[in-house]
Amino acid sequence: MALTPIELAAHLRRRAGFGASAREIHETAELGIERAVDELLDFEREDADLERALETFAGDAFDLNNSIDDVRAWWLYRMIHTRRPLREKLTLFWHGHFATSAQKVDRTASMIEQNRMLRRLCGANFRELLEAVAKDPAMLVYLDSNSNKKGKPNENFARELMELFSLGIGSYTEKDVQEAARAFTGWHIADGAYKFNAGQHDGGEKTVLGRKGKLNGGDVLDLVAAHPATPTFLARKLCRFFVNDQPDAAYVERVASAYRRSGGSLRAMVEALFRDPAFFAEENVRSVVKSPVEFAVGALKTLGVTVPLRNLAPSLRKMGQNLLAPPSVKGWDGGDAWLTSTSLFERGNFAAVVTYTRGLSEEPRFDPREWLAGRTMDSIESLVDALAAEILQGPLTKPTRTALVEYLRPGEKEKWSMEPKTLDPKLRGAARLLISSPEFQLA
């Protein structure tokens, strides 16, 4: 079944961002998908209003030098309020790809510096991003680069560079890792910054991925960026994140081809991904399980509500995603792993918070009476369909629709009424059920 213009726009906004309000989705539909993708891919364009707001908050609301929880709140504020959603979504993707944990780094300034670097280079040439990551102070600490010395190489970074960051298992040998580790000796950190320690660099001959010579770390980065396995490895991860938890191999190859044609441009890969006709195919709609961040930020944006930012990160942690502290260097597994009995319980709790909490006018909250204003519906079914269109931007499955109709149906001695005061508690409950529904868990 072909998607309507609204459903096309909503699908794009869920995948290339964190969801959107009904107004934003209508604006995207009116703009047209091609022009909307053009705007999303404009990574260089600044979000001036957001940057001004964050600059104001930096001295008051957020202590970005000493509090990692404030850095989390700062980043979540960006996700919620940005006008450049794809740039922020890619920052989240790269955070999981180049997973680094504040629990080990233990230096707030380094974690926010890494976050800004990933945002700045989210669509750059992959070789450029790799070097920035290899010299990033947080990564240097996380993968023990100061322990990588001449005569006693530490293999941590070299191994993760090949296994998790570029090639994937099966495309390199143990000897490649050992030799690459020697090439990176002396890539150290001093006073919170990268510093090449020439005295600890092994300048001897090495053989890495078939190339022999007095290779250094930059040479190894050249080799992995140009390796034939890298485009497909990256394309598969991008497609899993943006397209389908089990992406079609032909789709992956089309995205990988953009890397090869462009000489490693990440922007070209992302553009190929979103412009591919199969992006809007039925099998790729509602086919990615939302991460806790996507779920929570999406709920806030869909309803146009806020919650105290310092409460949001702990909620995400309970759902299984502790920003800036992934569980391991592999990042988060994603997919069905997000949906455990504990995480679903916490998602339900969050849905209750955003639908039942009543707040002040300067703290937007879900208001059924405001939502009902100007709407005329003559049945429970039409009310359910209208609310679902607002929250899901697409059709309900029959079981969910039946459950919601039954939930809203008046008791034996009650009469159906569109009176806002009467409907307020029921509509809050229906919105909570929709946000907790299987449909809403899928992007």
Protein backbone atom coordinates (compact mmCIF):
# COMPACT_ATOMS: atom_id res chain seq x y z
CA MET A 1 0.00 0.00 0.00
CA ALA A 2 1.42 3.39 -1.02
CA LEU A 3 2.17 5.83 1.78
CA THR A 4 0.30 9.13 1.91
CA PRO A 5 2.34 12.35 1.77
CA ILE A 6 1.90 12.71 5.55
CA GLU A 7 3.07 9.14 6.16
CA LEU A 8 6.09 9.68 3.88
CA ALA A 9 7.02 12.84 5.77
CA ALA A 10 6.52 11.19 9.16
CA HIS A 11 8.67 8.20 8.16
CA LEU A 12 11.45 10.53 7.03
CA ARG A 13 11.27 12.62 10.21
CA ARG A 14 11.38 9.53 12.44
CA ARG A 15 14.42 8.08 10.69
CA ALA A 16 16.37 11.24 9.87
CA GLY A 17 15.64 12.69 13.30
CA PHE A 18 13.68 11.89 16.42
CA GLY A 19 10.13 12.29 15.20
CA ALA A 20 8.22 15.54 14.90
CA SER A 21 5.02 17.32 15.83
CA ALA A 22 2.00 17.19 13.52
CA ARG A 23 2.77 20.75 12.39
CA GLU A 24 6.37 19.88 11.50
CA ILE A 25 5.27 16.78 9.60
CA HIS A 26 2.76 18.80 7.57
CA GLU A 27 5.49 21.33 6.79
CA THR A 28 7.75 18.51 5.56
CA ALA A 29 4.95 17.07 3.43
CA GLU A 30 4.29 20.50 1.88
CA LEU A 31 8.01 21.00 1.21
CA GLY A 32 8.23 17.64 -0.56
CA ILE A 33 10.52 14.72 0.18
CA GLU A 34 13.30 15.71 -2.23
CA ARG A 35 13.64 19.22 -0.84
CA ALA A 36 13.27 17.95 2.71
CA VAL A 37 16.20 15.58 2.18
CA ASP A 38 18.21 18.47 0.71
CA GLU A 39 17.65 20.46 3.91
CA LEU A 40 18.46 17.50 6.16
CA LEU A 41 21.77 16.96 4.35
CA ASP A 42 22.85 20.60 4.76
CA PHE A 43 25.24 19.76 7.60
CA GLU A 44 27.19 23.02 7.31
CA ARG A 45 24.17 25.22 7.96
CA GLU A 46 24.16 26.42 11.55
CA ASP A 47 21.18 26.24 13.89
CA ALA A 48 21.67 29.79 15.17
CA ASP A 49 18.71 29.93 17.56
CA LEU A 50 19.72 26.68 19.22
CA GLU A 51 23.35 27.73 19.59
CA ARG A 52 22.33 31.05 21.14
CA ALA A 53 20.05 29.30 23.61
CA LEU A 54 22.77 26.81 24.57
CA GLU A 55 25.32 29.57 24.94
CA THR A 56 22.97 31.29 27.39
CA PHE A 57 22.38 28.06 29.31
CA ALA A 58 26.06 27.13 29.47
CA GLY A 59 26.75 29.45 32.35
CA ASP A 60 23.48 28.95 34.19
CA ALA A 61 21.70 25.66 33.53
CA PHE A 62 24.60 23.47 32.44
CA ASP A 63 28.01 22.97 34.03
CA LEU A 64 29.75 21.47 31.00
CA ASN A 65 33.18 21.40 32.60
CA ASN A 66 32.44 19.34 35.68
CA SER A 67 29.09 17.52 35.39
CA ILE A 68 28.67 14.64 32.95
CA ASP A 69 24.94 14.64 33.79
CA ASP A 70 24.78 18.24 32.61
CA VAL A 71 26.50 17.24 29.36
CA ARG A 72 23.81 14.59 28.90
CA ALA A 73 21.09 17.18 29.54
CA TRP A 74 22.81 19.60 27.14
CA TRP A 75 22.86 16.95 24.40
CA LEU A 76 19.24 15.96 24.97
CA TYR A 77 18.24 19.61 24.74
CA ARG A 78 19.94 19.69 21.33
CA MET A 79 18.06 16.57 20.18
CA ILE A 80 14.72 17.99 21.23
CA HIS A 81 15.14 21.53 19.88
CA THR A 82 17.47 21.25 16.89
CA ARG A 83 16.39 22.33 13.42
CA ARG A 84 19.14 20.11 11.98
CA PRO A 85 17.81 16.73 13.18
CA LEU A 86 19.85 14.50 10.86
CA ARG A 87 23.10 16.01 12.11
CA GLU A 88 22.06 15.23 15.68
CA LYS A 89 20.88 11.73 14.74
CA LEU A 90 24.22 11.03 13.08
CA THR A 91 26.02 12.27 16.18
CA LEU A 92 24.09 9.62 18.11
CA PHE A 93 24.98 7.00 15.49
CA TRP A 94 28.70 7.80 15.66
CA HIS A 95 28.59 7.83 19.46
CA GLY A 96 27.45 4.21 19.30
CA HIS A 97 29.94 3.35 16.54
CA PHE A 98 32.97 4.92 18.24
CA ALA A 99 31.67 3.98 21.68
CA THR A 100 33.47 5.78 24.50
CA SER A 101 32.40 5.81 28.14
CA ALA A 102 32.64 8.69 30.58
CA GLN A 103 32.93 6.12 33.36
CA LYS A 104 36.48 5.34 32.26
CA VAL A 105 37.46 8.65 30.67
CA ASP A 106 36.49 10.50 33.86
CA ARG A 107 37.00 13.92 32.29
CA THR A 108 33.85 15.80 31.39
CA ALA A 109 35.60 18.25 29.05
CA SER A 110 36.95 15.38 26.95
CA MET A 111 33.52 13.79 26.54
CA ILE A 112 31.85 16.99 25.35
CA GLU A 113 34.82 17.68 23.07
CA GLN A 114 34.32 14.26 21.48
CA ASN A 115 30.58 14.88 21.12
CA ARG A 116 31.22 18.17 19.33
CA MET A 117 33.79 16.53 17.07
CA LEU A 118 31.38 13.78 16.03
CA ARG A 119 28.73 16.40 15.25
CA ARG A 120 31.16 18.54 13.25
CA LEU A 121 32.43 15.61 11.16
CA CYS A 122 29.25 13.52 10.95
CA GLY A 123 29.15 13.83 7.15
CA ALA A 124 32.85 14.30 6.45
CA ASN A 125 35.22 12.00 4.58
CA PHE A 126 35.58 8.81 6.63
CA ARG A 127 39.38 9.07 6.62
CA GLU A 128 39.12 12.53 8.19
CA LEU A 129 36.71 11.29 10.85
CA LEU A 130 38.95 8.29 11.62
CA GLU A 131 41.95 10.51 12.27
CA ALA A 132 39.94 12.84 14.47
CA VAL A 133 38.75 9.84 16.50
CA ALA A 134 42.24 8.33 16.68
CA LYS A 135 43.55 11.60 18.15
CA ASP A 136 40.50 12.33 20.28
CA PRO A 137 41.45 12.72 23.97
CA ALA A 138 38.48 10.69 25.24
CA MET A 139 39.25 7.81 22.85
CA LEU A 140 42.96 7.94 23.71
CA VAL A 141 42.10 7.43 27.37
CA TYR A 142 39.34 4.89 26.74
CA LEU A 143 41.53 2.58 24.65
CA ASP A 144 44.70 3.02 26.72
CA SER A 145 46.83 4.78 24.12
CA ASN A 146 49.40 5.96 26.67
CA SER A 147 50.19 2.28 27.25
CA ASN A 148 51.07 1.86 23.57
CA LYS A 149 54.85 2.23 23.61
CA LYS A 150 57.82 1.18 21.56
CA GLY A 151 58.74 -2.37 22.49
CA LYS A 152 55.50 -2.90 24.44
CA PRO A 153 52.62 -2.17 22.04
CA ASN A 154 49.08 -2.04 23.39
CA GLU A 155 46.68 -3.49 20.80
CA ASN A 156 43.40 -2.02 22.07
CA PHE A 157 42.95 0.81 19.56
CA ALA A 158 44.37 -1.11 16.59
CA ARG A 159 42.03 -4.02 17.26
CA GLU A 160 38.89 -1.91 17.65
CA LEU A 161 39.86 0.20 14.63
CA MET A 162 39.71 -2.91 12.46
CA GLU A 163 37.04 -4.99 14.18
CA LEU A 164 34.49 -2.35 15.16
CA PHE A 165 35.30 0.91 13.41
CA SER A 166 36.09 -0.01 9.80
CA LEU A 167 36.62 -3.56 8.50
CA GLY A 168 34.75 -6.08 10.60
CA ILE A 169 35.83 -9.54 11.71
CA GLY A 170 37.21 -11.68 8.90
CA SER A 171 38.82 -8.86 6.93
CA TYR A 172 42.11 -8.74 8.84
CA THR A 173 44.48 -11.06 10.68
CA GLU A 174 45.85 -11.09 14.19
CA LYS A 175 49.21 -10.14 12.69
CA ASP A 176 47.60 -7.05 11.12
CA VAL A 177 46.43 -5.95 14.56
CA GLN A 178 49.85 -6.51 16.13
CA GLU A 179 51.66 -4.60 13.40
CA ALA A 180 49.10 -1.77 13.39
CA ALA A 181 49.53 -1.40 17.15
CA ARG A 182 53.25 -0.80 16.55
CA ALA A 183 52.35 1.86 13.98
CA PHE A 184 50.28 3.72 16.58
CA THR A 185 52.95 3.68 19.30
CA GLY A 186 53.56 7.18 20.58
CA TRP A 187 50.02 8.40 19.84
CA HIS A 188 49.59 9.60 23.41
CA ILE A 189 47.65 12.10 25.47
CA ALA A 190 49.18 14.82 27.65
CA ASP A 191 47.34 17.52 29.59
CA GLY A 192 44.03 16.47 28.09
CA ALA A 193 45.17 16.66 24.44
CA TYR A 194 46.72 14.45 21.77
CA LYS A 195 50.51 14.53 21.67
CA PHE A 196 52.82 12.50 19.45
CA ASN A 197 55.56 11.04 21.63
CA ALA A 198 58.36 10.46 19.14
CA GLY A 199 60.53 8.75 21.74
CA GLN A 200 57.92 6.03 22.20
CA HIS A 201 57.17 5.48 18.50
CA ASP A 202 58.33 2.30 16.82
CA GLY A 203 59.75 3.46 13.52
CA GLY A 204 60.67 -0.01 12.29
CA GLU A 205 59.33 -1.89 9.30
CA LYS A 206 55.82 -3.32 9.56
CA THR A 207 53.35 -5.14 7.35
CA VAL A 208 49.68 -4.17 7.68
CA LEU A 209 46.87 -5.34 5.38
CA GLY A 210 49.38 -6.37 2.73
CA ARG A 211 51.44 -3.19 2.74
CA LYS A 212 55.04 -3.27 3.96
CA GLY A 213 57.18 -0.36 5.12
CA LYS A 214 57.99 1.93 8.03
CA LEU A 215 54.30 2.55 8.59
CA ASN A 216 52.91 5.02 11.10
CA GLY A 217 49.38 5.48 12.44
CA GLY A 218 48.36 7.75 9.58
CA ASP A 219 49.40 5.10 7.08
CA VAL A 220 47.22 2.54 8.85
CA LEU A 221 44.26 4.91 8.76
CA ASP A 222 44.82 5.32 5.01
CA LEU A 223 44.82 1.55 4.58
CA VAL A 224 41.61 0.84 6.51
CA ALA A 225 39.74 3.76 4.91
CA ALA A 226 40.68 2.45 1.43
CA HIS A 227 40.14 -1.23 2.23
CA PRO A 228 37.43 -2.94 0.11
CA ALA A 229 35.66 -4.23 3.25
CA THR A 230 35.12 -0.78 4.76
CA PRO A 231 32.31 0.55 2.51
CA THR A 232 30.12 -2.51 3.06
CA PHE A 233 30.85 -2.63 6.80
CA LEU A 234 29.86 1.01 7.28
CA ALA A 235 26.88 0.77 4.93
CA ARG A 236 25.47 -2.20 6.83
CA LYS A 237 25.69 -0.35 10.15
CA LEU A 238 24.11 2.77 8.68
CA CYS A 239 21.29 0.74 7.14
CA ARG A 240 20.65 -1.12 10.39
CA PHE A 241 20.40 2.21 12.20
CA PHE A 242 18.38 4.18 9.63
CA VAL A 243 16.54 1.66 7.41
CA ASN A 244 15.86 -1.80 8.83
CA ASP A 245 17.11 -3.91 11.72
CA GLN A 246 17.81 -6.58 9.08
CA PRO A 247 18.67 -4.56 5.97
CA ASP A 248 18.46 -5.96 2.46
CA ALA A 249 21.92 -6.82 1.09
CA ALA A 250 21.26 -5.04 -2.22
CA TYR A 251 20.28 -1.84 -0.37
CA VAL A 252 23.47 -2.07 1.70
CA GLU A 253 25.53 -2.47 -1.46
CA ARG A 254 23.96 0.60 -3.05
CA VAL A 255 24.93 2.68 -0.02
CA ALA A 256 28.43 1.14 -0.03
CA SER A 257 28.80 2.09 -3.70
CA ALA A 258 28.32 5.74 -2.76
CA TYR A 259 31.39 5.47 -0.49
CA ARG A 260 33.46 4.03 -3.35
CA ARG A 261 32.28 6.58 -5.93
CA SER A 262 32.89 9.55 -3.62
CA GLY A 263 36.23 8.45 -2.20
CA GLY A 264 34.84 7.86 1.27
CA SER A 265 32.29 10.66 1.72
CA LEU A 266 29.93 9.92 4.60
CA ARG A 267 27.51 12.55 3.36
CA ALA A 268 27.34 10.73 0.03
CA MET A 269 26.51 7.48 1.83
CA VAL A 270 23.78 9.09 3.90
CA GLU A 271 22.33 10.79 0.83
CA ALA A 272 22.27 7.49 -1.07
CA LEU A 273 20.52 5.89 1.90
CA PHE A 274 17.72 8.47 2.12
CA ARG A 275 17.25 8.94 -1.62
CA ASP A 276 17.01 5.22 -2.32
CA PRO A 277 13.46 4.36 -3.52
CA ALA A 278 13.43 1.37 -1.15
CA PHE A 279 13.74 3.69 1.85
CA PHE A 280 9.97 4.21 1.67
CA ALA A 281 9.15 0.59 0.78
CA GLU A 282 6.57 -1.15 2.96
CA GLU A 283 9.13 -3.55 4.41
CA ASN A 284 11.23 -0.62 5.67
CA VAL A 285 8.44 1.28 7.42
CA ARG A 286 8.15 0.65 11.19
CA SER A 287 11.04 -1.80 10.82
CA VAL A 288 13.57 -0.36 13.28
CA VAL A 289 13.12 -0.70 17.04
CA LYS A 290 13.49 2.72 18.62
CA SER A 291 16.34 3.14 21.04
CA PRO A 292 15.35 4.67 24.40
CA VAL A 293 16.62 8.04 23.17
CA GLU A 294 14.54 7.83 19.99
CA PHE A 295 11.51 6.67 21.96
CA ALA A 296 11.66 9.35 24.65
CA VAL A 297 12.69 12.31 22.51
CA GLY A 298 10.17 11.19 19.90
CA ALA A 299 7.37 11.13 22.46
CA LEU A 300 8.24 14.65 23.62
CA LYS A 301 8.40 16.01 20.08
CA THR A 302 5.22 14.24 18.97
CA LEU A 303 3.19 15.61 21.87
CA GLY A 304 4.97 18.98 21.95
CA VAL A 305 5.70 18.63 25.66
CA THR A 306 8.69 18.98 27.96
CA VAL A 307 10.06 17.21 31.00
CA PRO A 308 12.85 18.41 33.31
CA LEU A 309 15.99 17.60 31.32
CA ARG A 310 17.87 16.34 34.35
CA ASN A 311 15.13 13.74 34.83
CA LEU A 312 15.34 12.53 31.24
CA ALA A 313 18.81 10.96 31.25
CA PRO A 314 18.08 8.81 34.35
CA SER A 315 14.86 7.61 32.66
CA LEU A 316 16.86 6.63 29.59
CA ARG A 317 19.34 4.79 31.79
CA LYS A 318 16.51 2.72 33.24
CA MET A 319 15.33 1.95 29.72
CA GLY A 320 18.79 0.62 28.87
CA GLN A 321 20.63 3.53 27.22
CA ASN A 322 22.98 5.54 29.39
CA LEU A 323 24.19 8.30 27.09
CA LEU A 324 27.96 8.86 27.13
CA ALA A 325 28.40 5.53 28.90
CA PRO A 326 27.73 2.68 26.44
CA PRO A 327 28.05 -0.78 27.97
CA SER A 328 31.25 -1.66 26.05
CA VAL A 329 33.43 -0.60 23.13
CA LYS A 330 30.84 -2.34 20.90
CA GLY A 331 28.25 0.25 21.87
CA TRP A 332 24.63 -0.85 22.16
CA ASP A 333 23.37 -3.95 20.36
CA GLY A 334 20.15 -2.27 19.24
CA GLY A 335 17.24 -4.01 17.55
CA ASP A 336 15.20 -6.40 19.67
CA ALA A 337 17.77 -6.07 22.47
CA TRP A 338 16.13 -2.75 23.37
CA LEU A 339 12.87 -4.51 24.26
CA THR A 340 13.22 -6.31 27.57
CA SER A 341 10.53 -6.66 30.23
CA THR A 342 12.34 -4.06 32.35
CA SER A 343 12.83 -1.55 29.53
CA LEU A 344 9.21 -1.86 28.37
CA PHE A 345 8.03 -1.25 31.92
CA GLU A 346 10.15 1.92 32.04
CA ARG A 347 8.85 3.03 28.64
CA GLY A 348 5.34 2.66 30.00
CA ASN A 349 6.26 4.74 33.04
CA PHE A 350 7.66 7.45 30.78
CA ALA A 351 4.50 7.41 28.67
CA ALA A 352 2.48 8.01 31.83
CA VAL A 353 4.69 10.93 32.84
CA VAL A 354 4.37 12.75 29.52
CA THR A 355 0.61 12.23 29.20
CA TYR A 356 -0.66 12.64 32.78
CA THR A 357 1.61 15.38 34.14
CA ARG A 358 -0.06 18.77 34.24
CA GLY A 359 2.25 21.79 34.11
CA LEU A 360 2.48 25.52 33.77
CA SER A 361 2.09 27.36 30.48
CA GLU A 362 5.86 27.90 30.28
CA GLU A 363 6.33 24.14 30.69
CA PRO A 364 4.25 22.63 27.87
CA ARG A 365 2.33 19.50 28.83
CA PHE A 366 -0.14 17.30 26.99
CA ASP A 367 -3.54 18.98 27.20
CA PRO A 368 -6.47 16.92 25.82
CA ARG A 369 -8.80 19.89 26.01
CA GLU A 370 -6.50 21.94 23.81
CA TRP A 371 -6.15 18.99 21.42
CA LEU A 372 -9.95 18.66 21.19
CA ALA A 373 -10.48 22.35 20.45
CA GLY A 374 -11.92 22.78 16.97
CA ARG A 375 -12.31 19.06 16.36
CA THR A 376 -15.67 17.44 15.71
CA MET A 377 -15.94 13.69 16.04
CA ASP A 378 -19.18 11.77 16.24
CA SER A 379 -17.92 8.41 17.49
CA ILE A 380 -15.31 6.73 19.63
CA GLU A 381 -13.79 5.19 16.52
CA SER A 382 -13.28 8.57 14.86
CA LEU A 383 -11.73 9.90 18.07
CA VAL A 384 -9.31 6.96 18.23
CA ASP A 385 -8.35 7.41 14.59
CA ALA A 386 -7.72 11.14 15.05
CA LEU A 387 -5.55 10.62 18.13
CA ALA A 388 -3.63 7.82 16.41
CA ALA A 389 -3.04 10.03 13.38
CA GLU A 390 -1.57 12.68 15.70
CA ILE A 391 0.71 10.33 17.65
CA LEU A 392 1.56 7.57 15.17
CA GLN A 393 1.15 9.47 11.88
CA GLY A 394 -0.09 6.24 10.36
CA PRO A 395 -2.72 3.52 10.65
CA LEU A 396 -3.24 1.45 13.76
CA THR A 397 -3.13 -2.30 13.73
CA LYS A 398 -6.51 -3.88 14.35
CA PRO A 399 -5.68 -5.21 17.88
CA THR A 400 -4.42 -1.79 19.07
CA ARG A 401 -7.40 0.04 17.56
CA THR A 402 -9.86 -2.41 19.13
CA ALA A 403 -8.19 -2.06 22.54
CA LEU A 404 -8.33 1.73 22.39
CA VAL A 405 -11.99 1.78 21.32
CA GLU A 406 -12.84 -0.50 24.22
CA TYR A 407 -10.82 1.65 26.61
CA LEU A 408 -12.71 4.80 25.58
CA ARG A 409 -16.12 3.18 25.41
CA PRO A 410 -18.40 4.58 28.17
CA GLY A 411 -19.76 2.32 30.87
CA GLU A 412 -23.27 0.92 30.82
CA LYS A 413 -24.73 3.92 32.63
CA GLU A 414 -22.61 6.52 30.83
CA LYS A 415 -23.31 8.42 27.64
CA TRP A 416 -20.82 9.16 24.88
CA SER A 417 -19.83 12.80 25.11
CA MET A 418 -17.28 15.03 23.40
CA GLU A 419 -17.32 17.35 26.40
CA PRO A 420 -13.60 18.15 27.03
CA LYS A 421 -13.78 17.97 30.82
CA THR A 422 -15.32 14.50 30.65
CA LEU A 423 -12.88 13.22 28.04
CA ASP A 424 -9.71 14.67 29.62
CA PRO A 425 -8.72 11.68 31.81
CA LYS A 426 -9.72 9.13 29.19
CA LEU A 427 -7.76 10.88 26.44
CA ARG A 428 -4.70 11.04 28.66
CA GLY A 429 -5.00 7.30 29.16
CA ALA A 430 -5.47 6.69 25.45
CA ALA A 431 -2.40 8.79 24.60
CA ARG A 432 -0.39 6.82 27.17
CA LEU A 433 -1.54 3.56 25.60
CA LEU A 434 -0.59 4.79 22.13
CA ILE A 435 2.91 5.78 23.25
CA SER A 436 3.24 2.40 24.94
CA SER A 437 1.86 0.57 21.89
CA PRO A 438 3.94 -1.79 19.73
CA GLU A 439 3.52 0.63 16.82
CA PHE A 440 5.15 3.52 18.67
CA GLN A 441 8.17 1.41 19.65
CA LEU A 442 9.05 1.10 15.96
CA ALA A 443 10.55 3.93 13.95
